[in-house]
Protein backbone atom coordinates (compact mmCIF):
# COMPACT_ATOMS: atom_id res chain seq x y z
CA UNK A 1 0.05 0.17 0.03
CA UNK A 2 1.26 3.50 -0.89
CA UNK A 3 2.18 5.87 2.00
CA UNK A 4 0.01 8.70 0.21
CA UNK A 5 -2.92 5.92 0.00
CA UNK A 6 -6.53 7.31 0.59
CA UNK A 7 -8.30 3.95 0.61
CA UNK A 8 -10.43 5.08 -2.55
CA UNK A 9 -9.31 1.67 -4.49
CA UNK A 10 -12.07 2.60 -7.19
CA UNK A 11 -10.38 5.58 -8.44
CA UNK A 12 -6.62 4.30 -7.86
CA UNK A 13 -4.19 3.65 -10.49
CA UNK A 14 -1.69 1.89 -8.24
CA UNK A 15 -1.41 -1.95 -8.30
CA UNK A 16 -1.32 -2.67 -4.57
CA UNK A 17 -1.34 -6.31 -3.30
CA UNK A 18 -4.10 -5.60 -0.81
CA UNK A 19 -6.33 -3.65 -3.03
CA UNK A 20 -9.67 -4.68 -2.84
CA UNK A 21 -11.52 -6.00 -5.98
CA UNK A 22 -14.05 -3.70 -7.59
CA UNK A 23 -17.72 -4.85 -6.99
CA UNK A 24 -20.08 -4.76 -9.60
CA UNK A 25 -23.01 -5.61 -7.23
CA UNK A 26 -25.98 -3.41 -8.12
CA UNK A 27 -27.96 -2.35 -5.36
CA UNK A 28 -32.10 -3.40 -5.35
CA UNK A 29 -34.79 -1.08 -5.21
CA UNK A 30 -35.12 1.00 -1.91
CA UNK A 31 -38.45 -0.74 -1.04
CA UNK A 32 -37.30 -4.00 -1.75
CA UNK A 33 -36.26 -6.32 1.00
CA UNK A 34 -34.64 -9.57 -0.23
CA UNK A 35 -33.18 -11.90 2.15
CA UNK A 36 -31.70 -14.44 -0.25
CA UNK A 37 -31.22 -14.80 -3.82
CA UNK A 38 -30.87 -18.25 -5.58
CA UNK A 39 -29.86 -18.42 -9.31
CA UNK A 40 -31.07 -21.73 -11.22
CA UNK A 41 -29.17 -22.26 -14.07
CA UNK A 42 -28.29 -25.05 -16.74
CA UNK A 43 -25.52 -25.49 -19.37
CA UNK A 44 -28.09 -26.25 -22.03
CA UNK A 45 -31.68 -25.58 -22.67
CA UNK A 46 -34.67 -28.13 -22.46
CA UNK A 47 -33.56 -29.82 -19.21
CA UNK A 48 -36.62 -28.30 -17.18
CA UNK A 49 -34.77 -25.43 -15.45
CA UNK A 50 -38.12 -23.27 -15.24
CA UNK A 51 -39.87 -26.15 -14.06
CA UNK A 52 -37.15 -26.51 -11.13
CA UNK A 53 -37.49 -23.03 -10.22
CA UNK A 54 -41.11 -22.92 -10.21
CA UNK A 55 -41.37 -26.14 -8.13
CA UNK A 56 -38.73 -24.63 -5.72
CA UNK A 57 -40.36 -21.48 -5.33
CA UNK A 58 -43.75 -23.33 -4.72
CA UNK A 59 -42.14 -25.51 -2.04
CA UNK A 60 -40.54 -22.85 -0.25
CA UNK A 61 -43.91 -20.69 -0.29
CA UNK A 62 -45.62 -24.13 1.31
CA UNK A 63 -42.99 -24.06 4.21
CA UNK A 64 -43.97 -20.79 4.90
CA UNK A 65 -41.46 -18.32 3.32
CA UNK A 66 -42.48 -15.35 1.10
CA UNK A 67 -40.82 -16.23 -2.19
CA UNK A 68 -40.34 -14.55 -5.56
CA UNK A 69 -39.29 -15.61 -9.00
CA UNK A 70 -37.38 -13.12 -11.30
CA UNK A 71 -37.71 -14.66 -14.84
CA UNK A 72 -34.29 -13.59 -16.37
CA UNK A 73 -34.78 -15.94 -19.41
CA UNK A 74 -36.05 -12.75 -21.58
CA UNK A 75 -36.23 -14.37 -24.74
CA UNK A 76 -37.81 -17.53 -23.90
CA UNK A 77 -40.00 -16.67 -20.65
CA UNK A 78 -42.26 -19.54 -19.30
CA UNK A 79 -42.61 -18.71 -15.79
CA UNK A 80 -46.12 -16.87 -15.88
CA UNK A 81 -47.57 -19.65 -18.15
CA UNK A 82 -46.41 -22.24 -15.42
CA UNK A 83 -48.13 -20.20 -12.73
CA UNK A 84 -51.25 -19.36 -14.91
CA UNK A 85 -50.42 -15.79 -14.44
CA UNK A 86 -52.50 -13.47 -17.18
CA UNK A 87 -52.33 -10.13 -15.35
CA UNK A 88 -50.07 -7.65 -16.44
CA UNK A 89 -47.54 -6.33 -14.35
CA UNK A 90 -48.05 -2.51 -13.37
CA UNK A 91 -46.14 0.32 -12.27
CA UNK A 92 -46.13 4.02 -11.03
CA UNK A 93 -43.51 6.70 -9.66
CA UNK A 94 -42.22 4.42 -7.23
CA UNK A 95 -41.22 1.28 -9.42
CA UNK A 96 -42.63 -1.82 -11.20
CA UNK A 97 -44.70 -3.95 -9.06
CA UNK A 98 -44.48 -8.01 -9.46
CA UNK A 99 -47.72 -9.90 -10.22
CA UNK A 100 -48.58 -12.62 -7.41
CA UNK A 101 -49.67 -16.29 -8.13
CA UNK A 102 -52.36 -17.88 -6.55
CA UNK A 103 -50.37 -18.98 -3.64
CA UNK A 104 -48.69 -15.61 -3.23
CA UNK A 105 -45.54 -15.90 -4.89
CA UNK A 106 -44.36 -12.69 -6.54
CA UNK A 107 -43.49 -12.97 -10.26
CA UNK A 108 -41.72 -10.56 -12.57
CA UNK A 109 -41.16 -11.71 -16.34
CA UNK A 110 -40.92 -9.72 -19.52
CA UNK A 111 -44.23 -11.54 -20.60
CA UNK A 112 -45.99 -9.64 -18.11
CA UNK A 113 -45.01 -6.36 -19.91
CA UNK A 114 -45.91 -7.72 -23.34
CA UNK A 115 -49.11 -7.00 -25.39
CA UNK A 116 -49.30 -10.59 -26.22
CA UNK A 117 -47.33 -13.42 -24.46
CA UNK A 118 -46.49 -14.67 -27.85
CA UNK A 119 -44.88 -11.70 -29.29
CA UNK A 120 -41.18 -12.54 -30.08
CA UNK A 121 -38.39 -10.57 -28.27
CA UNK A 122 -35.72 -9.81 -30.84
CA UNK A 123 -33.21 -7.60 -28.86
CA UNK A 124 -29.48 -7.76 -28.79
CA UNK A 125 -27.30 -8.62 -25.66
CA UNK A 126 -26.95 -5.34 -24.13
CA UNK A 127 -31.07 -4.61 -24.18
CA UNK A 128 -31.34 -8.11 -22.64
CA UNK A 129 -28.95 -7.66 -19.86
CA UNK A 130 -30.40 -4.12 -18.99
CA UNK A 131 -33.58 -5.55 -18.72
CA UNK A 132 -32.64 -8.16 -16.18
CA UNK A 133 -31.13 -5.68 -14.19
CA UNK A 134 -34.13 -3.33 -14.28
CA UNK A 135 -36.23 -6.34 -12.87
CA UNK A 136 -33.64 -6.50 -9.80
CA UNK A 137 -33.20 -2.77 -9.34
CA UNK A 138 -36.71 -1.24 -10.37
CA UNK A 139 -39.27 -3.73 -9.32
CA UNK A 140 -40.34 -3.53 -5.69
CA UNK A 141 -40.00 -6.92 -4.25
CA UNK A 142 -41.32 -6.36 -0.84
CA UNK A 143 -40.19 -8.81 1.71
CA UNK A 144 -38.79 -11.67 -0.10
CA UNK A 145 -37.19 -14.51 2.17
CA UNK A 146 -36.13 -16.17 -1.27
CA UNK A 147 -35.91 -14.57 -4.68
CA UNK A 148 -35.37 -17.27 -7.45
CA UNK A 149 -33.53 -16.06 -10.62
CA UNK A 150 -34.68 -18.64 -13.43
CA UNK A 151 -31.78 -17.67 -15.85
CA UNK A 152 -31.24 -18.59 -19.75
CA UNK A 153 -29.45 -21.54 -20.61
CA UNK A 154 -25.64 -21.52 -21.23
CA UNK A 155 -22.84 -19.06 -19.43
CA UNK A 156 -23.78 -15.88 -21.79
CA UNK A 157 -24.44 -12.36 -21.15
CA UNK A 158 -27.34 -12.87 -18.82
CA UNK A 159 -25.68 -15.34 -16.66
CA UNK A 160 -22.50 -13.19 -16.11
CA UNK A 161 -24.74 -10.17 -15.22
CA UNK A 162 -26.53 -12.05 -12.73
CA UNK A 163 -23.41 -13.55 -11.51
CA UNK A 164 -21.62 -10.09 -11.09
CA UNK A 165 -24.78 -7.79 -10.38
CA UNK A 166 -26.99 -9.85 -7.88
CA UNK A 167 -25.78 -10.78 -4.57
CA UNK A 168 -26.36 -14.71 -4.94
CA UNK A 169 -26.55 -16.74 -2.07
CA UNK A 170 -25.43 -19.72 -4.53
CA UNK A 171 -26.96 -21.50 -7.54
CA UNK A 172 -28.77 -24.70 -8.58
CA UNK A 173 -27.52 -26.43 -11.63
CA UNK A 174 -30.36 -28.39 -13.63
CA UNK A 175 -29.24 -31.46 -15.76
CA UNK A 176 -30.44 -34.69 -17.43
CA UNK A 177 -29.12 -38.20 -17.14
CA UNK A 178 -27.67 -38.34 -20.90
CA UNK A 179 -23.93 -38.73 -21.41
CA UNK A 180 -23.53 -35.32 -22.37
CA UNK A 181 -24.38 -33.90 -19.09
CA UNK A 182 -20.79 -33.95 -17.49
CA UNK A 183 -19.62 -31.48 -20.07
CA UNK A 184 -22.72 -29.19 -19.78
CA UNK A 185 -22.57 -29.27 -16.02
CA UNK A 186 -18.87 -28.75 -15.83
CA UNK A 187 -19.13 -25.51 -17.89
CA UNK A 188 -21.83 -24.15 -15.30
CA UNK A 189 -19.83 -24.99 -12.24
CA UNK A 190 -16.49 -23.72 -13.65
CA UNK A 191 -18.37 -20.47 -14.35
CA UNK A 192 -19.63 -20.50 -10.55
CA UNK A 193 -16.21 -21.25 -9.00
CA UNK A 194 -14.68 -18.57 -11.19
CA UNK A 195 -17.18 -16.00 -9.89
CA UNK A 196 -16.95 -17.38 -6.38
CA UNK A 197 -20.48 -18.45 -6.54
CA UNK A 198 -21.54 -21.38 -3.96
CA UNK A 199 -23.04 -24.61 -5.56
CA UNK A 200 -26.46 -25.44 -3.51
CA UNK A 201 -27.40 -28.74 -5.17
CA UNK A 202 -27.70 -30.53 -8.44
CA UNK A 203 -31.01 -31.29 -9.84
CA UNK A 204 -31.32 -34.36 -12.47
CA UNK A 205 -34.61 -33.81 -14.27
CA UNK A 206 -36.28 -36.37 -16.18
CA UNK A 207 -34.22 -38.95 -14.30
CA UNK A 208 -36.84 -41.93 -14.65
CA UNK A 209 -40.35 -42.57 -15.79
CA UNK A 210 -42.78 -44.54 -13.42
CA UNK A 211 -45.00 -47.13 -14.44
CA UNK A 212 -48.70 -45.92 -13.40
CA UNK A 213 -49.57 -49.69 -13.34
CA UNK A 214 -46.74 -51.64 -11.66
CA UNK A 215 -44.53 -48.57 -10.17
CA UNK A 216 -41.43 -49.74 -12.01
CA UNK A 217 -38.88 -47.11 -12.93
CA UNK A 218 -37.73 -47.01 -16.25
CA UNK A 219 -34.53 -44.79 -17.00
CA UNK A 220 -35.72 -43.63 -20.43
CA UNK A 221 -32.54 -41.41 -21.14
CA UNK A 222 -30.05 -43.89 -19.57
CA UNK A 223 -29.19 -44.69 -15.99
CA UNK A 224 -29.10 -41.76 -13.42
CA UNK A 225 -25.80 -39.90 -13.15
CA UNK A 226 -26.91 -37.59 -10.29
CA UNK A 227 -24.75 -38.89 -7.46
CA UNK A 228 -21.84 -39.17 -9.74
CA UNK A 229 -21.93 -35.62 -11.05
CA UNK A 230 -22.57 -34.26 -7.34
CA UNK A 231 -19.44 -36.30 -6.32
CA UNK A 232 -17.41 -35.17 -9.14
CA UNK A 233 -18.23 -31.41 -8.86
CA UNK A 234 -18.76 -31.06 -5.36
CA UNK A 235 -22.46 -30.55 -5.17
CA UNK A 236 -23.49 -30.87 -1.65
CA UNK A 237 -26.73 -32.74 -2.50
CA UNK A 238 -28.41 -34.24 -5.49
CA UNK A 239 -31.89 -34.52 -6.25
CA UNK A 240 -33.76 -37.26 -9.04
CA UNK A 241 -36.79 -35.76 -10.55
CA UNK A 242 -39.13 -37.92 -12.74
CA UNK A 243 -40.46 -37.45 -16.07
CA UNK A 244 -44.11 -37.32 -15.47
CA UNK A 245 -46.88 -36.43 -18.09
CA UNK A 246 -49.14 -35.55 -15.36
CA UNK A 247 -46.77 -32.90 -13.95
CA UNK A 248 -46.16 -31.70 -17.51
CA UNK A 249 -49.97 -31.04 -18.03
CA UNK A 250 -50.13 -29.16 -14.68
CA UNK A 251 -47.41 -26.75 -16.09
CA UNK A 252 -49.09 -26.30 -19.41
CA UNK A 253 -52.49 -25.48 -17.57
CA UNK A 254 -50.80 -22.99 -15.01
CA UNK A 255 -51.01 -25.21 -11.97
CA UNK A 256 -47.61 -25.75 -11.26
CA UNK A 257 -48.10 -24.55 -7.50
CA UNK A 258 -50.08 -27.84 -7.12
CA UNK A 259 -47.22 -29.96 -7.84
CA UNK A 260 -45.74 -31.68 -4.54
CA UNK A 261 -42.18 -32.85 -4.84
CA UNK A 262 -40.74 -34.60 -1.54
CA UNK A 263 -37.50 -35.54 -3.44
CA UNK A 264 -36.52 -31.60 -3.14
CA UNK A 265 -36.39 -31.94 0.54
CA UNK A 266 -32.47 -32.23 0.96
CA UNK A 267 -32.19 -29.18 -1.25
CA UNK A 268 -34.97 -27.22 0.53
CA UNK A 269 -33.13 -27.77 3.76
CA UNK A 270 -30.26 -26.33 2.37
CA UNK A 271 -31.82 -23.28 1.20
CA UNK A 272 -33.41 -22.86 4.96
CA UNK A 273 -29.99 -23.11 6.28
CA UNK A 274 -28.67 -20.42 4.29
CA UNK A 275 -27.89 -16.83 6.21
CA UNK A 276 -29.41 -13.81 5.22
CA UNK A 277 -27.24 -11.82 2.53
CA UNK A 278 -29.14 -9.12 1.30
CA UNK A 279 -31.04 -6.28 3.08
């Protein structure tokens, strides 16, 4: 440290060994009260990431916690449809207000701002990441014990923005049993470690199909890799979710809050053990 140091690291050109790293965290809306922010991500699309996000929010609500979902998948938002939300989000001079689901989960998604939910979002990356930040700093999130961020697949602009700008308590990674999963999960895990974001759990979706007649589990996409993936990449817990036509229909009909999933219990307990990280 220089003897003339004024401790203003943000505006200092000196390369000190103990210089504090620059923080890119963005403050939430002044009226927001968010205790924990959980990112839900995957290395590729089509693995059920939004479904897992909706399940986690619903289960935590059933456990007595106030939860919200920030739909950061700007070009492919599906959260409002899963919750059966058709009301458009509104705002005033104070900010934008999320729309509450039937069980009281606060939801903010671009689809809640569009004239028609089928209208395409043909935007470049900077506009997309700017919208995600607006959902964080301009939305009044009230008193959220848990805010789940449904991220788009991959490790691109939005994921980087969320990792840098939001005070994440950790991430949940979603995958499937296919052999390709190791490479896909590896990308997500390496990014999280580079950004010092804790791993909370791995969810293997579509892990098996249970026969409604005999109860036998069939591994349609190959044997489960959940435990092996958790051990290889250091996830503290692994969860296996079935491929279930009944649940798929419930999501299509906007009834995801009716789905109960006991297999999530280890992950839910881990979420409840997290300390409050934000204001």
